[in-house]
């Protein structure tokens, strides 16, 4: 208890006044190096190979959402939606397929690509459902620093990472997307199901999607209402999603410039499975992902994993 109070006091001093009401701070890393069921030298270093992001959640409607008339705040029971919003910053790296011990990409495969981005999401929360509307702005090509970061980490572990040459990558251009997602919630004892659907529109990504998420575990806290809980909670989590993709910048290539690209497949599936732990104001999770073949001529799925940690300094009681 003393440690928790000390952490809360330190947070209040460190953060500016506008940020001291935040609900959640989340750090996430995606990487095929986290495929722990595989031997280190057998883990793939291709397709979606790395991603990092920092997300901070704040109470209330985002300022940009207020200008769009989405300002319905409040958490009075289940009759008025709770409003929260997030800001996030991250980088995604996509690597072309290369034969083992060959630094250049295999002809006909996806191009190397990187996206450096910022995003914001406005959330309207009720106990039975969650609605999210948000936007993403980013930059591709060399300004995304994807090539620089990959070279840096490969040089740190040369025995496990082969040298590569980014001879052809998606060129630099600004990218954007807006998105809308809706998630429902139903529970039966220790089982929780979350059917969900959404869509994205923009040069970065244009698609519609639908799927089903599940959580299994005793005494689970609400998945998005940020309710306090003292006991250790453990849950098995999973998800199956189908995406109908019209455009994906890192595969279809730059919208306003010529450059490398591939022909995308219109239907892509993604499966997730993992474990999530929650204790007091901390949460940690590991998820394994399997993304179906996203382009022609690739026919095999790609596996990668996520490590995520969240801190709830102002969890609601």
Protein backbone atom coordinates (compact mmCIF):
# COMPACT_ATOMS: atom_id res chain seq x y z
CA UNK A 1 0.00 0.00 0.00
CA UNK A 2 2.86 2.42 0.85
CA UNK A 3 4.54 1.63 -2.46
CA UNK A 4 1.31 2.28 -4.32
CA UNK A 5 0.83 5.66 -2.58
CA UNK A 6 4.43 6.60 -3.33
CA UNK A 7 3.97 5.77 -7.01
CA UNK A 8 0.77 7.81 -7.17
CA UNK A 9 2.48 10.80 -5.53
CA UNK A 10 5.40 10.58 -7.95
CA UNK A 11 3.02 10.45 -10.87
CA UNK A 12 1.14 13.55 -9.67
CA UNK A 13 4.40 15.49 -9.50
CA UNK A 14 5.82 14.24 -12.80
CA UNK A 15 2.80 14.76 -15.01
CA UNK A 16 1.43 18.11 -16.17
CA UNK A 17 -2.02 19.05 -14.81
CA UNK A 18 -3.85 18.03 -18.00
CA UNK A 19 -2.35 14.55 -17.83
CA UNK A 20 -2.89 13.83 -14.13
CA UNK A 21 -6.42 12.58 -14.77
CA UNK A 22 -5.23 9.85 -17.10
CA UNK A 23 -6.66 6.36 -16.72
CA UNK A 24 -4.16 4.10 -18.48
CA UNK A 25 -0.60 4.16 -19.77
CA UNK A 26 0.19 1.25 -22.13
CA UNK A 27 3.46 0.16 -23.72
CA UNK A 28 3.26 -2.45 -26.47
CA UNK A 29 5.86 -4.23 -28.58
CA UNK A 30 5.11 -6.53 -31.53
CA UNK A 31 7.85 -8.77 -32.86
CA UNK A 32 8.30 -12.22 -34.32
CA UNK A 33 11.20 -12.55 -31.86
CA UNK A 34 8.49 -13.07 -29.19
CA UNK A 35 7.39 -16.38 -30.78
CA UNK A 36 8.69 -18.20 -27.71
CA UNK A 37 7.56 -21.64 -28.90
CA UNK A 38 10.18 -21.44 -31.67
CA UNK A 39 13.95 -21.66 -31.33
CA UNK A 40 15.48 -18.16 -31.59
CA UNK A 41 17.25 -18.82 -34.88
CA UNK A 42 14.07 -20.27 -36.43
CA UNK A 43 11.80 -17.29 -35.69
CA UNK A 44 10.78 -15.48 -38.89
CA UNK A 45 12.23 -12.08 -39.66
CA UNK A 46 9.84 -11.09 -42.41
CA UNK A 47 6.39 -9.63 -43.14
CA UNK A 48 5.18 -7.60 -40.10
CA UNK A 49 8.43 -7.95 -38.21
CA UNK A 50 8.31 -5.24 -35.52
CA UNK A 51 6.06 -2.62 -33.99
CA UNK A 52 6.29 -0.39 -30.91
CA UNK A 53 3.72 2.02 -29.47
CA UNK A 54 2.98 4.12 -26.42
CA UNK A 55 -0.67 4.86 -25.63
CA UNK A 56 -2.04 7.18 -22.95
CA UNK A 57 -5.75 7.24 -22.09
CA UNK A 58 -7.49 10.28 -20.61
CA UNK A 59 -11.02 10.77 -19.24
CA UNK A 60 -13.61 12.70 -21.23
CA UNK A 61 -14.12 13.42 -24.90
CA UNK A 62 -11.12 14.45 -27.00
CA UNK A 63 -11.00 18.10 -28.04
CA UNK A 64 -11.15 17.18 -31.74
CA UNK A 65 -14.16 14.94 -31.09
CA UNK A 66 -15.96 17.79 -29.30
CA UNK A 67 -15.65 19.86 -32.47
CA UNK A 68 -17.37 17.00 -34.30
CA UNK A 69 -20.27 17.00 -31.85
CA UNK A 70 -19.26 13.83 -30.00
CA UNK A 71 -19.12 15.41 -26.51
CA UNK A 72 -21.30 13.13 -24.40
CA UNK A 73 -19.39 12.68 -21.17
CA UNK A 74 -20.38 11.19 -17.84
CA UNK A 75 -20.37 7.84 -16.09
CA UNK A 76 -23.75 7.81 -14.36
CA UNK A 77 -24.56 4.14 -14.18
CA UNK A 78 -25.42 2.49 -17.48
CA UNK A 79 -27.76 5.19 -18.80
CA UNK A 80 -25.14 7.66 -20.06
CA UNK A 81 -21.99 6.54 -21.89
CA UNK A 82 -18.62 7.07 -20.26
CA UNK A 83 -16.24 8.97 -22.52
CA UNK A 84 -12.48 8.46 -22.68
CA UNK A 85 -9.92 9.19 -25.34
CA UNK A 86 -6.40 8.07 -26.18
CA UNK A 87 -3.32 9.45 -27.87
CA UNK A 88 -0.70 7.06 -29.24
CA UNK A 89 2.67 7.23 -30.96
CA UNK A 90 4.35 4.32 -32.69
CA UNK A 91 6.34 2.75 -35.49
CA UNK A 92 5.60 -0.33 -37.61
CA UNK A 93 8.20 -2.21 -39.68
CA UNK A 94 7.46 -4.61 -42.53
CA UNK A 95 10.29 -6.64 -44.05
CA UNK A 96 10.43 -8.34 -47.44
CA UNK A 97 10.98 -12.10 -47.60
CA UNK A 98 14.64 -13.02 -48.09
CA UNK A 99 16.28 -16.41 -48.58
CA UNK A 100 18.31 -17.47 -45.55
CA UNK A 101 21.73 -15.77 -45.42
CA UNK A 102 20.88 -13.58 -48.43
CA UNK A 103 20.68 -9.81 -47.71
CA UNK A 104 18.55 -8.86 -50.73
CA UNK A 105 14.80 -9.41 -51.03
CA UNK A 106 13.30 -12.27 -53.01
CA UNK A 107 11.74 -11.07 -56.32
CA UNK A 108 7.96 -10.90 -56.39
CA UNK A 109 7.54 -10.52 -52.65
CA UNK A 110 6.35 -7.60 -50.56
CA UNK A 111 8.51 -4.46 -50.41
CA UNK A 112 10.26 -3.32 -47.26
CA UNK A 113 8.18 -0.66 -45.54
CA UNK A 114 7.94 1.42 -42.40
CA UNK A 115 5.33 3.72 -40.91
CA UNK A 116 5.96 6.29 -38.18
CA UNK A 117 2.59 7.45 -36.89
CA UNK A 118 0.48 9.25 -34.31
CA UNK A 119 -3.16 8.49 -33.60
CA UNK A 120 -6.07 9.42 -31.38
CA UNK A 121 -9.20 7.45 -30.51
CA UNK A 122 -12.40 8.71 -28.90
CA UNK A 123 -14.21 6.02 -26.89
CA UNK A 124 -17.80 5.83 -25.69
CA UNK A 125 -18.06 3.13 -23.05
CA UNK A 126 -21.04 1.28 -21.65
CA UNK A 127 -21.01 -1.96 -19.73
CA UNK A 128 -22.56 -3.82 -22.69
CA UNK A 129 -20.67 -2.26 -25.59
CA UNK A 130 -17.78 -0.03 -26.64
CA UNK A 131 -17.70 2.36 -29.61
CA UNK A 132 -14.42 3.82 -30.88
CA UNK A 133 -13.82 6.49 -33.51
CA UNK A 134 -10.30 7.63 -34.32
CA UNK A 135 -7.70 8.78 -36.79
CA UNK A 136 -4.08 8.02 -37.68
CA UNK A 137 -1.51 10.29 -39.36
CA UNK A 138 1.89 8.99 -40.41
CA UNK A 139 4.84 8.99 -42.77
CA UNK A 140 6.37 6.15 -44.79
CA UNK A 141 9.78 5.67 -46.40
CA UNK A 142 13.11 6.71 -44.93
CA UNK A 143 11.54 9.39 -42.65
CA UNK A 144 9.75 6.54 -40.82
CA UNK A 145 13.21 5.46 -39.51
CA UNK A 146 12.22 1.81 -40.02
CA UNK A 147 15.40 0.92 -41.90
CA UNK A 148 17.52 2.70 -39.30
CA UNK A 149 15.86 0.91 -36.38
CA UNK A 150 16.07 -2.51 -37.98
CA UNK A 151 19.76 -2.09 -38.74
CA UNK A 152 20.35 -0.93 -35.17
CA UNK A 153 18.73 -3.99 -33.59
CA UNK A 154 20.27 -6.42 -36.08
CA UNK A 155 23.72 -5.05 -35.25
CA UNK A 156 23.03 -5.64 -31.53
CA UNK A 157 22.58 -9.42 -32.08
CA UNK A 158 24.41 -10.33 -35.31
CA UNK A 159 24.51 -14.03 -34.41
CA UNK A 160 20.70 -14.22 -34.48
CA UNK A 161 19.92 -11.60 -37.13
CA UNK A 162 21.14 -11.81 -40.71
CA UNK A 163 22.28 -8.61 -42.46
CA UNK A 164 19.72 -7.20 -44.87
CA UNK A 165 19.69 -4.55 -47.58
CA UNK A 166 16.65 -2.30 -47.94
CA UNK A 167 17.24 -1.76 -51.65
CA UNK A 168 13.52 -1.28 -52.44
CA UNK A 169 11.08 0.16 -49.93
CA UNK A 170 7.81 2.07 -50.00
CA UNK A 171 8.82 5.69 -50.74
CA UNK A 172 8.20 8.57 -48.38
CA UNK A 173 4.74 10.10 -48.33
CA UNK A 174 2.22 11.18 -45.69
CA UNK A 175 -0.52 8.66 -44.90
CA UNK A 176 -3.81 8.88 -43.05
CA UNK A 177 -6.80 6.78 -42.04
CA UNK A 178 -9.99 7.19 -40.02
CA UNK A 179 -11.64 4.22 -38.30
CA UNK A 180 -14.82 3.22 -36.52
CA UNK A 181 -15.15 0.10 -34.35
CA UNK A 182 -17.92 -1.37 -32.23
CA UNK A 183 -17.52 -4.16 -29.67
CA UNK A 184 -20.28 -5.95 -27.75
CA UNK A 185 -19.94 -7.88 -24.50
CA UNK A 186 -21.74 -10.97 -23.21
CA UNK A 187 -20.83 -13.16 -20.23
CA UNK A 188 -21.72 -16.63 -19.03
CA UNK A 189 -19.87 -17.57 -15.85
CA UNK A 190 -16.12 -17.56 -16.48
CA UNK A 191 -16.59 -17.20 -20.25
CA UNK A 192 -16.80 -13.81 -21.93
CA UNK A 193 -17.46 -13.24 -25.64
CA UNK A 194 -16.94 -10.00 -27.56
CA UNK A 195 -18.31 -9.86 -31.11
CA UNK A 196 -16.87 -6.86 -32.92
CA UNK A 197 -16.94 -5.10 -36.28
CA UNK A 198 -15.36 -2.01 -37.79
CA UNK A 199 -14.01 -0.20 -40.81
CA UNK A 200 -11.04 1.97 -41.79
CA UNK A 201 -10.85 4.49 -44.63
CA UNK A 202 -7.73 6.22 -45.91
CA UNK A 203 -4.51 5.94 -47.85
CA UNK A 204 -2.87 3.96 -45.04
CA UNK A 205 -5.64 1.36 -44.77
CA UNK A 206 -9.10 0.89 -46.25
CA UNK A 207 -10.98 -2.19 -45.07
CA UNK A 208 -14.01 -3.57 -43.27
CA UNK A 209 -13.60 -6.20 -40.55
CA UNK A 210 -15.60 -8.43 -38.24
CA UNK A 211 -14.69 -10.99 -35.63
CA UNK A 212 -15.20 -12.59 -32.25
CA UNK A 213 -13.04 -12.18 -29.14
CA UNK A 214 -13.15 -14.37 -26.04
CA UNK A 215 -11.80 -14.27 -22.48
CA UNK A 216 -11.85 -17.19 -20.07
CA UNK A 217 -11.07 -16.86 -16.38
CA UNK A 218 -12.62 -16.53 -12.92
CA UNK A 219 -13.62 -13.15 -11.41
CA UNK A 220 -12.61 -11.10 -14.45
CA UNK A 221 -12.72 -7.31 -14.25
CA UNK A 222 -14.60 -5.47 -16.96
CA UNK A 223 -12.46 -5.41 -20.13
CA UNK A 224 -12.78 -1.66 -20.85
CA UNK A 225 -14.56 0.12 -17.97
CA UNK A 226 -11.28 0.43 -16.03
CA UNK A 227 -12.73 -0.92 -12.77
CA UNK A 228 -10.45 -1.34 -9.75
CA UNK A 229 -9.52 -4.83 -8.62
CA UNK A 230 -7.11 -6.03 -5.95
CA UNK A 231 -6.82 -9.76 -6.48
CA UNK A 232 -4.62 -11.33 -9.12
CA UNK A 233 -6.66 -12.07 -12.24
CA UNK A 234 -5.54 -14.42 -15.00
CA UNK A 235 -7.39 -14.93 -18.26
CA UNK A 236 -6.91 -16.88 -21.45
CA UNK A 237 -7.75 -14.63 -24.39
CA UNK A 238 -8.36 -15.21 -28.07
CA UNK A 239 -9.80 -13.61 -31.18
CA UNK A 240 -10.68 -14.50 -34.77
CA UNK A 241 -11.11 -11.67 -37.30
CA UNK A 242 -11.89 -11.55 -41.02
CA UNK A 243 -10.79 -8.44 -42.95
CA UNK A 244 -11.97 -7.36 -46.41
CA UNK A 245 -9.11 -5.16 -47.60
CA UNK A 246 -9.37 -2.61 -50.41
CA UNK A 247 -6.05 -0.81 -49.80
CA UNK A 248 -2.99 -1.29 -47.60
CA UNK A 249 -0.20 1.26 -48.12
CA UNK A 250 2.63 -1.08 -47.09
CA UNK A 251 1.54 -3.61 -49.74
CA UNK A 252 -0.19 -1.62 -52.49
CA UNK A 253 2.56 0.98 -52.46
CA UNK A 254 2.51 4.75 -52.26
CA UNK A 255 -0.70 6.45 -53.35
CA UNK A 256 0.86 9.59 -54.86
CA UNK A 257 4.24 8.23 -55.97
CA UNK A 258 5.44 5.28 -58.03
CA UNK A 259 7.33 2.54 -56.25
CA UNK A 260 7.40 -1.13 -55.31
CA UNK A 261 4.10 -2.87 -54.61
CA UNK A 262 2.33 -6.23 -54.74
CA UNK A 263 -1.20 -7.40 -55.55
CA UNK A 264 -3.13 -7.78 -52.30
CA UNK A 265 -5.60 -10.53 -51.46
CA UNK A 266 -9.09 -9.13 -50.78
CA UNK A 267 -9.81 -11.36 -47.77
CA UNK A 268 -7.37 -11.79 -44.88
CA UNK A 269 -7.88 -13.68 -41.61
CA UNK A 270 -6.16 -13.11 -38.30
CA UNK A 271 -6.13 -15.37 -35.24
CA UNK A 272 -4.94 -14.45 -31.74
CA UNK A 273 -4.37 -16.46 -28.58
CA UNK A 274 -2.58 -15.65 -25.34
CA UNK A 275 -2.76 -14.86 -21.65
CA UNK A 276 -3.47 -11.66 -19.72
CA UNK A 277 -2.65 -10.96 -16.05
CA UNK A 278 -4.04 -8.11 -13.94
CA UNK A 279 -3.11 -7.13 -10.39
CA UNK A 280 -4.10 -3.86 -8.68
CA UNK A 281 -3.06 -1.10 -11.11
CA UNK A 282 -0.89 -3.28 -13.37
CA UNK A 283 -1.73 -5.47 -16.35
CA UNK A 284 0.52 -7.57 -18.61
CA UNK A 285 -0.21 -9.79 -21.56
CA UNK A 286 1.39 -11.98 -24.21
CA UNK A 287 -0.48 -12.69 -27.45
CA UNK A 288 0.45 -14.85 -30.43
CA UNK A 289 -0.93 -13.77 -33.81
CA UNK A 290 -1.34 -15.62 -37.08
CA UNK A 291 -2.03 -13.38 -40.08
CA UNK A 292 -3.18 -15.07 -43.26
CA UNK A 293 -1.50 -14.53 -46.63
CA UNK A 294 -2.03 -10.86 -47.49
CA UNK A 295 -0.79 -10.74 -51.07
CA UNK A 296 -0.13 -12.71 -54.24
CA UNK A 297 1.94 -14.92 -54.57
CA UNK A 298 2.31 -15.58 -50.81
CA UNK A 299 0.21 -18.52 -49.65
CA UNK A 300 1.44 -19.16 -46.10
CA UNK A 301 0.32 -17.29 -42.96
CA UNK A 302 2.74 -15.25 -40.86
CA UNK A 303 3.13 -15.60 -37.09
CA UNK A 304 4.21 -12.86 -34.70
CA UNK A 305 3.63 -12.01 -31.05
CA UNK A 306 2.86 -9.12 -28.72
CA UNK A 307 4.15 -8.16 -25.28
CA UNK A 308 2.08 -5.45 -23.59
CA UNK A 309 2.11 -3.77 -20.18
CA UNK A 310 -0.44 -1.28 -18.81
CA UNK A 311 -0.48 0.92 -15.73
CA UNK A 312 -3.77 2.22 -14.29
CA UNK A 313 -2.73 5.11 -12.00
CA UNK A 314 -6.33 6.35 -11.65
CA UNK A 315 -8.40 3.19 -11.90
CA UNK A 316 -12.07 3.90 -11.21
CA UNK A 317 -13.63 2.33 -8.11
